Amino acid sequence: MAVALVLSPFHVVTFNLIGSVNPSTIAANIALNFADSSGTAVNVLVATGLVLFVITFAVNFIARAIVTRKSSSGVS
């Protein structure tokens, strides 16, 4: 939430992630604004992409740890 507020203070942040009219996701922000960006705006979009990568990596890491723990505890 804090990253969304810092990177895009002009947009309203909503939690409706599955709606078709919600352009405020990280990927949509990059896709919609990259073509018209130049200078510092490109740097902000690249930083946004890096944040998306870190979030994806963290979720995958946590999921892998949960699956590994569940599969090792179930084996007798």
PDB file of N, CA and C in Angstrom:
ATOM      1  N   MET A   1       0.822  -1.188   0.000  1.00  0.00           N
ATOM      2  CA  MET A   1       0.000   0.000   0.000  1.00  0.00           C
ATOM      3  C   MET A   1       0.864   1.249   0.000  1.00  0.00           C
ATOM      4  N   ALA A   2       1.916   1.262   0.788  1.00  0.00           N
ATOM      5  CA  ALA A   2       2.783   2.437   0.849  1.00  0.00           C
ATOM      6  C   ALA A   2       3.478   2.681  -0.478  1.00  0.00           C
ATOM      7  N   VAL A   3       3.910   1.615  -1.143  1.00  0.00           N
ATOM      8  CA  VAL A   3       4.572   1.759  -2.439  1.00  0.00           C
ATOM      9  C   VAL A   3       3.605   2.324  -3.462  1.00  0.00           C
ATOM     10  N   ALA A   4       2.359   1.865  -3.448  1.00  0.00           N
ATOM     11  CA  ALA A   4       1.362   2.377  -4.383  1.00  0.00           C
ATOM     12  C   ALA A   4       1.117   3.865  -4.153  1.00  0.00           C
ATOM     13  N   LEU A   5       1.095   4.282  -2.909  1.00  0.00           N
ATOM     14  CA  LEU A   5       0.874   5.695  -2.619  1.00  0.00           C
ATOM     15  C   LEU A   5       2.069   6.559  -3.011  1.00  0.00           C
ATOM     16  N   VAL A   6       3.278   6.041  -2.851  1.00  0.00           N
ATOM     17  CA  VAL A   6       4.475   6.809  -3.187  1.00  0.00           C
ATOM     18  C   VAL A   6       4.653   6.914  -4.693  1.00  0.00           C
ATOM     19  N   LEU A   7       4.462   5.805  -5.401  1.00  0.00           N
ATOM     20  CA  LEU A   7       4.716   5.800  -6.834  1.00  0.00           C
ATOM     21  C   LEU A   7       3.616   6.448  -7.646  1.00  0.00           C
ATOM     22  N   SER A   8       2.391   6.419  -7.178  1.00  0.00           N
ATOM     23  CA  SER A   8       1.295   7.010  -7.942  1.00  0.00           C
ATOM     24  C   SER A   8       0.368   7.810  -7.040  1.00  0.00           C
ATOM     25  N   PRO A   9       0.812   8.973  -6.593  1.00  0.00           N
ATOM     26  CA  PRO A   9      -0.027   9.752  -5.682  1.00  0.00           C
ATOM     27  C   PRO A   9      -1.239  10.381  -6.364  1.00  0.00           C
ATOM     28  N   PHE A  10      -1.300  10.359  -7.698  1.00  0.00           N
ATOM     29  CA  PHE A  10      -2.412  10.993  -8.396  1.00  0.00           C
ATOM     30  C   PHE A  10      -3.568  10.042  -8.645  1.00  0.00           C
ATOM     31  N   HIS A  11      -3.348   8.743  -8.485  1.00  0.00           N
ATOM     32  CA  HIS A  11      -4.383   7.759  -8.742  1.00  0.00           C
ATOM     33  C   HIS A  11      -5.011   7.307  -7.434  1.00  0.00           C
ATOM     34  N   VAL A  12      -6.250   6.908  -7.533  1.00  0.00           N
ATOM     35  CA  VAL A  12      -6.943   6.356  -6.383  1.00  0.00           C
ATOM     36  C   VAL A  12      -6.613   4.878  -6.301  1.00  0.00           C
ATOM     37  N   VAL A  13      -6.175   4.422  -5.147  1.00  0.00           N
ATOM     38  CA  VAL A  13      -5.828   3.023  -4.959  1.00  0.00           C
ATOM     39  C   VAL A  13      -7.070   2.291  -4.479  1.00  0.00           C
ATOM     40  N   THR A  14      -7.435   1.237  -5.228  1.00  0.00           N
ATOM     41  CA  THR A  14      -8.589   0.429  -4.843  1.00  0.00           C
ATOM     42  C   THR A  14      -8.134  -1.012  -4.619  1.00  0.00           C
ATOM     43  N   PHE A  15      -8.952  -1.766  -3.956  1.00  0.00           N
ATOM     44  CA  PHE A  15      -8.643  -3.164  -3.678  1.00  0.00           C
ATOM     45  C   PHE A  15      -9.462  -4.106  -4.554  1.00  0.00           C
ATOM     46  N   ASN A  16     -10.127  -3.591  -5.575  1.00  0.00           N
ATOM     47  CA  ASN A  16     -10.898  -4.400  -6.511  1.00  0.00           C
ATOM     48  C   ASN A  16      -9.944  -4.903  -7.586  1.00  0.00           C
ATOM     49  N   LEU A  17      -9.210  -5.981  -7.287  1.00  0.00           N
ATOM     50  CA  LEU A  17      -8.169  -6.463  -8.176  1.00  0.00           C
ATOM     51  C   LEU A  17      -8.693  -7.268  -9.352  1.00  0.00           C
ATOM     52  N   ILE A  18      -9.917  -7.771  -9.282  1.00  0.00           N
ATOM     53  CA  ILE A  18     -10.424  -8.589 -10.372  1.00  0.00           C
ATOM     54  C   ILE A  18     -11.376  -7.837 -11.287  1.00  0.00           C
ATOM     55  N   GLY A  19     -11.627  -6.586 -11.027  1.00  0.00           N
ATOM     56  CA  GLY A  19     -12.508  -5.805 -11.882  1.00  0.00           C
ATOM     57  C   GLY A  19     -11.838  -5.435 -13.191  1.00  0.00           C
ATOM     58  N   SER A  20     -12.621  -5.323 -14.243  1.00  0.00           N
ATOM     59  CA  SER A  20     -12.058  -5.015 -15.548  1.00  0.00           C
ATOM     60  C   SER A  20     -11.789  -3.525 -15.728  1.00  0.00           C
ATOM     61  N   VAL A  21     -12.299  -2.685 -14.868  1.00  0.00           N
ATOM     62  CA  VAL A  21     -12.109  -1.246 -14.997  1.00  0.00           C
ATOM     63  C   VAL A  21     -11.099  -0.701 -13.997  1.00  0.00           C
ATOM     64  N   ASN A  22     -10.297  -1.573 -13.403  1.00  0.00           N
ATOM     65  CA  ASN A  22      -9.341  -1.146 -12.383  1.00  0.00           C
ATOM     66  C   ASN A  22      -7.946  -1.018 -12.996  1.00  0.00           C
ATOM     67  N   PRO A  23      -7.519   0.188 -13.382  1.00  0.00           N
ATOM     68  CA  PRO A  23      -6.186   0.340 -13.966  1.00  0.00           C
ATOM     69  C   PRO A  23      -5.108   0.607 -12.926  1.00  0.00           C
ATOM     70  N   SER A  24      -5.405   0.426 -11.647  1.00  0.00           N
ATOM     71  CA  SER A  24      -4.448   0.819 -10.618  1.00  0.00           C
ATOM     72  C   SER A  24      -3.601  -0.339 -10.107  1.00  0.00           C
ATOM     73  N   THR A  25      -3.521  -1.445 -10.849  1.00  0.00           N
ATOM     74  CA  THR A  25      -2.591  -2.493 -10.471  1.00  0.00           C
ATOM     75  C   THR A  25      -1.202  -2.108 -10.953  1.00  0.00           C
ATOM     76  N   ILE A  26      -0.187  -2.737 -10.422  1.00  0.00           N
ATOM     77  CA  ILE A  26       1.183  -2.382 -10.781  1.00  0.00           C
ATOM     78  C   ILE A  26       1.440  -2.649 -12.254  1.00  0.00           C
ATOM     79  N   ALA A  27       1.033  -3.807 -12.745  1.00  0.00           N
ATOM     80  CA  ALA A  27       1.266  -4.140 -14.151  1.00  0.00           C
ATOM     81  C   ALA A  27       0.508  -3.199 -15.088  1.00  0.00           C
ATOM     82  N   ALA A  28      -0.721  -2.859 -14.735  1.00  0.00           N
ATOM     83  CA  ALA A  28      -1.494  -1.933 -15.561  1.00  0.00           C
ATOM     84  C   ALA A  28      -0.881  -0.543 -15.547  1.00  0.00           C
ATOM     85  N   ASN A  29      -0.354  -0.124 -14.418  1.00  0.00           N
ATOM     86  CA  ASN A  29       0.308   1.175 -14.326  1.00  0.00           C
ATOM     87  C   ASN A  29       1.495   1.246 -15.278  1.00  0.00           C
ATOM     88  N   ILE A  30       2.296   0.189 -15.324  1.00  0.00           N
ATOM     89  CA  ILE A  30       3.452   0.152 -16.215  1.00  0.00           C
ATOM     90  C   ILE A  30       2.993   0.140 -17.668  1.00  0.00           C
ATOM     91  N   ALA A  31       2.043  -0.731 -17.987  1.00  0.00           N
ATOM     92  CA  ALA A  31       1.597  -0.882 -19.368  1.00  0.00           C
ATOM     93  C   ALA A  31       0.943   0.378 -19.915  1.00  0.00           C
ATOM     94  N   LEU A  32       0.139   1.045 -19.108  1.00  0.00           N
ATOM     95  CA  LEU A  32      -0.585   2.214 -19.587  1.00  0.00           C
ATOM     96  C   LEU A  32       0.273   3.465 -19.685  1.00  0.00           C
ATOM     97  N   ASN A  33       1.315   3.569 -18.877  1.00  0.00           N
ATOM     98  CA  ASN A  33       2.071   4.811 -18.823  1.00  0.00           C
ATOM     99  C   ASN A  33       3.441   4.760 -19.478  1.00  0.00           C
ATOM    100  N   PHE A  34       3.927   3.584 -19.863  1.00  0.00           N
ATOM    101  CA  PHE A  34       5.295   3.493 -20.354  1.00  0.00           C
ATOM    102  C   PHE A  34       5.483   4.172 -21.699  1.00  0.00           C
ATOM    103  N   ALA A  35       4.518   4.068 -22.600  1.00  0.00           N
ATOM    104  CA  ALA A  35       4.669   4.630 -23.951  1.00  0.00           C
ATOM    105  C   ALA A  35       4.766   6.153 -23.926  1.00  0.00           C
ATOM    106  N   ASP A  36       4.086   6.788 -23.014  1.00  0.00           N
ATOM    107  CA  ASP A  36       4.067   8.256 -22.954  1.00  0.00           C
ATOM    108  C   ASP A  36       5.104   8.832 -22.006  1.00  0.00           C
ATOM    109  N   SER A  37       5.926   8.000 -21.406  1.00  0.00           N
ATOM    110  CA  SER A  37       6.859   8.461 -20.382  1.00  0.00           C
ATOM    111  C   SER A  37       8.214   8.817 -20.968  1.00  0.00           C
ATOM    112  N   SER A  38       8.870   9.734 -20.290  1.00  0.00           N
ATOM    113  CA  SER A  38      10.244  10.079 -20.637  1.00  0.00           C
ATOM    114  C   SER A  38      10.926  10.625 -19.391  1.00  0.00           C
ATOM    115  N   GLY A  39      12.247  10.528 -19.379  1.00  0.00           N
ATOM    116  CA  GLY A  39      13.016  11.069 -18.260  1.00  0.00           C
ATOM    117  C   GLY A  39      12.779  10.328 -16.968  1.00  0.00           C
ATOM    118  N   THR A  40      12.448  11.076 -15.938  1.00  0.00           N
ATOM    119  CA  THR A  40      12.251  10.519 -14.602  1.00  0.00           C
ATOM    120  C   THR A  40      11.043   9.586 -14.544  1.00  0.00           C
ATOM    121  N   ALA A  41      10.044   9.816 -15.364  1.00  0.00           N
ATOM    122  CA  ALA A  41       8.854   8.958 -15.363  1.00  0.00           C
ATOM    123  C   ALA A  41       9.211   7.534 -15.770  1.00  0.00           C
ATOM    124  N   VAL A  42      10.158   7.373 -16.686  1.00  0.00           N
ATOM    125  CA  VAL A  42      10.602   6.030 -17.072  1.00  0.00           C
ATOM    126  C   VAL A  42      11.291   5.365 -15.890  1.00  0.00           C
ATOM    127  N   ASN A  43      12.091   6.120 -15.152  1.00  0.00           N
ATOM    128  CA  ASN A  43      12.759   5.572 -13.972  1.00  0.00           C
ATOM    129  C   ASN A  43      11.744   5.118 -12.927  1.00  0.00           C
ATOM    130  N   VAL A  44      10.673   5.853 -12.758  1.00  0.00           N
ATOM    131  CA  VAL A  44       9.623   5.480 -11.804  1.00  0.00           C
ATOM    132  C   VAL A  44       8.944   4.186 -12.252  1.00  0.00           C
ATOM    133  N   LEU A  45       8.699   4.059 -13.553  1.00  0.00           N
ATOM    134  CA  LEU A  45       8.054   2.850 -14.056  1.00  0.00           C
ATOM    135  C   LEU A  45       8.976   1.636 -13.939  1.00  0.00           C
ATOM    136  N   VAL A  46      10.267   1.826 -14.162  1.00  0.00           N
ATOM    137  CA  VAL A  46      11.220   0.723 -13.985  1.00  0.00           C
ATOM    138  C   VAL A  46      11.280   0.325 -12.512  1.00  0.00           C
ATOM    139  N   ALA A  47      11.257   1.300 -11.621  1.00  0.00           N
ATOM    140  CA  ALA A  47      11.230   1.003 -10.183  1.00  0.00           C
ATOM    141  C   ALA A  47       9.942   0.269  -9.809  1.00  0.00           C
ATOM    142  N   THR A  48       8.840   0.644 -10.444  1.00  0.00           N
ATOM    143  CA  THR A  48       7.580  -0.045 -10.215  1.00  0.00           C
ATOM    144  C   THR A  48       7.680  -1.504 -10.654  1.00  0.00           C
ATOM    145  N   GLY A  49       8.342  -1.734 -11.796  1.00  0.00           N
ATOM    146  CA  GLY A  49       8.564  -3.101 -12.256  1.00  0.00           C
ATOM    147  C   GLY A  49       9.420  -3.896 -11.291  1.00  0.00           C
ATOM    148  N   LEU A  50      10.408  -3.244 -10.706  1.00  0.00           N
ATOM    149  CA  LEU A  50      11.256  -3.904  -9.720  1.00  0.00           C
ATOM    150  C   LEU A  50      10.453  -4.281  -8.474  1.00  0.00           C
ATOM    151  N   VAL A  51       9.567  -3.403  -8.055  1.00  0.00           N
ATOM    152  CA  VAL A  51       8.689  -3.701  -6.911  1.00  0.00           C
ATOM    153  C   VAL A  51       7.797  -4.897  -7.243  1.00  0.00           C
ATOM    154  N   LEU A  52       7.256  -4.935  -8.457  1.00  0.00           N
ATOM    155  CA  LEU A  52       6.434  -6.067  -8.871  1.00  0.00           C
ATOM    156  C   LEU A  52       7.237  -7.358  -8.852  1.00  0.00           C
ATOM    157  N   PHE A  53       8.491  -7.308  -9.307  1.00  0.00           N
ATOM    158  CA  PHE A  53       9.346  -8.486  -9.286  1.00  0.00           C
ATOM    159  C   PHE A  53       9.598  -8.956  -7.854  1.00  0.00           C
ATOM    160  N   VAL A  54       9.871  -8.039  -6.951  1.00  0.00           N
ATOM    161  CA  VAL A  54      10.144  -8.403  -5.558  1.00  0.00           C
ATOM    162  C   VAL A  54       8.901  -9.018  -4.911  1.00  0.00           C
ATOM    163  N   ILE A  55       7.742  -8.456  -5.184  1.00  0.00           N
ATOM    164  CA  ILE A  55       6.506  -9.012  -4.631  1.00  0.00           C
ATOM    165  C   ILE A  55       6.280 -10.424  -5.167  1.00  0.00           C
ATOM    166  N   THR A  56       6.469 -10.612  -6.479  1.00  0.00           N
ATOM    167  CA  THR A  56       6.296 -11.930  -7.087  1.00  0.00           C
ATOM    168  C   THR A  56       7.285 -12.932  -6.517  1.00  0.00           C
ATOM    169  N   PHE A  57       8.535 -12.521  -6.365  1.00  0.00           N
ATOM    170  CA  PHE A  57       9.554 -13.396  -5.812  1.00  0.00           C
ATOM    171  C   PHE A  57       9.213 -13.796  -4.378  1.00  0.00           C
ATOM    172  N   ALA A  58       8.771 -12.841  -3.573  1.00  0.00           N
ATOM    173  CA  ALA A  58       8.434 -13.127  -2.178  1.00  0.00           C
ATOM    174  C   ALA A  58       7.260 -14.093  -2.080  1.00  0.00           C
ATOM    175  N   VAL A  59       6.239 -13.890  -2.897  1.00  0.00           N
ATOM    176  CA  VAL A  59       5.082 -14.786  -2.867  1.00  0.00           C
ATOM    177  C   VAL A  59       5.490 -16.191  -3.290  1.00  0.00           C
ATOM    178  N   ASN A  60       6.299 -16.303  -4.336  1.00  0.00           N
ATOM    179  CA  ASN A  60       6.755 -17.625  -4.774  1.00  0.00           C
ATOM    180  C   ASN A  60       7.642 -18.291  -3.727  1.00  0.00           C
ATOM    181  N   PHE A  61       8.495 -17.531  -3.070  1.00  0.00           N
ATOM    182  CA  PHE A  61       9.369 -18.074  -2.037  1.00  0.00           C
ATOM    183  C   PHE A  61       8.555 -18.609  -0.864  1.00  0.00           C
ATOM    184  N   ILE A  62       7.569 -17.849  -0.433  1.00  0.00           N
ATOM    185  CA  ILE A  62       6.718 -18.261   0.684  1.00  0.00           C
ATOM    186  C   ILE A  62       5.901 -19.496   0.304  1.00  0.00           C
ATOM    187  N   ALA A  63       5.367 -19.516  -0.916  1.00  0.00           N
ATOM    188  CA  ALA A  63       4.585 -20.669  -1.356  1.00  0.00           C
ATOM    189  C   ALA A  63       5.449 -21.919  -1.434  1.00  0.00           C
ATOM    190  N   ARG A  64       6.674 -21.785  -1.932  1.00  0.00           N
ATOM    191  CA  ARG A  64       7.572 -22.933  -2.017  1.00  0.00           C
ATOM    192  C   ARG A  64       7.922 -23.445  -0.620  1.00  0.00           C
ATOM    193  N   ALA A  65       8.124 -22.527   0.332  1.00  0.00           N
ATOM    194  CA  ALA A  65       8.426 -22.937   1.702  1.00  0.00           C
ATOM    195  C   ALA A  65       7.245 -23.671   2.327  1.00  0.00           C
ATOM    196  N   ILE A  66       6.037 -23.210   2.070  1.00  0.00           N
ATOM    197  CA  ILE A  66       4.848 -23.874   2.608  1.00  0.00           C
ATOM    198  C   ILE A  66       4.694 -25.264   2.002  1.00  0.00           C
ATOM    199  N   VAL A  67       4.862 -25.384   0.697  1.00  0.00           N
ATOM    200  CA  VAL A  67       4.720 -26.681   0.039  1.00  0.00           C
ATOM    201  C   VAL A  67       5.791 -27.640   0.516  1.00  0.00           C
ATOM    202  N   THR A  68       7.020 -27.163   0.662  1.00  0.00           N
ATOM    203  CA  THR A  68       8.107 -28.022   1.134  1.00  0.00           C
ATOM    204  C   THR A  68       7.844 -28.488   2.559  1.00  0.00           C
ATOM    205  N   ARG A  69       7.382 -27.606   3.413  1.00  0.00           N
ATOM    206  CA  ARG A  69       7.099 -27.971   4.795  1.00  0.00           C
ATOM    207  C   ARG A  69       5.939 -28.951   4.885  1.00  0.00           C
ATOM    208  N   LYS A  70       4.902 -28.746   4.076  1.00  0.00           N
ATOM    209  CA  LYS A  70       3.748 -29.653   4.091  1.00  0.00           C
ATOM    210  C   LYS A  70       4.135 -31.019   3.558  1.00  0.00           C
ATOM    211  N   SER A  71       4.946 -31.084   2.508  1.00  0.00           N
ATOM    212  CA  SER A  71       5.291 -32.386   1.937  1.00  0.00           C
ATOM    213  C   SER A  71       6.269 -33.146   2.819  1.00  0.00           C
ATOM    214  N   SER A  72       7.160 -32.443   3.524  1.00  0.00           N
ATOM    215  CA  SER A  72       8.111 -33.138   4.398  1.00  0.00           C
ATOM    216  C   SER A  72       7.460 -33.581   5.710  1.00  0.00           C
ATOM    217  N   SER A  73       6.435 -32.904   6.180  1.00  0.00           N
ATOM    218  CA  SER A  73       5.779 -33.307   7.422  1.00  0.00           C
ATOM    219  C   SER A  73       4.795 -34.446   7.188  1.00  0.00           C
ATOM    220  N   GLY A  74       4.319 -34.614   5.954  1.00  0.00           N
ATOM    221  CA  GLY A  74       3.365 -35.671   5.674  1.00  0.00           C
ATOM    222  C   GLY A  74       4.010 -37.012   5.433  1.00  0.00           C
ATOM    223  N   VAL A  75       5.319 -37.068   5.200  1.00  0.00           N
ATOM    224  CA  VAL A  75       6.009 -38.325   4.919  1.00  0.00           C
ATOM    225  C   VAL A  75       6.443 -38.960   6.225  1.00  0.00           C
ATOM    226  N   SER A  76       6.107 -40.254   6.427  1.00  0.00           N
ATOM    227  CA  SER A  76       6.480 -40.943   7.660  1.00  0.00           C
ATOM    228  C   SER A  76       7.618 -41.896   7.441  1.00  0.00           C
TER     229      SER A  76
END
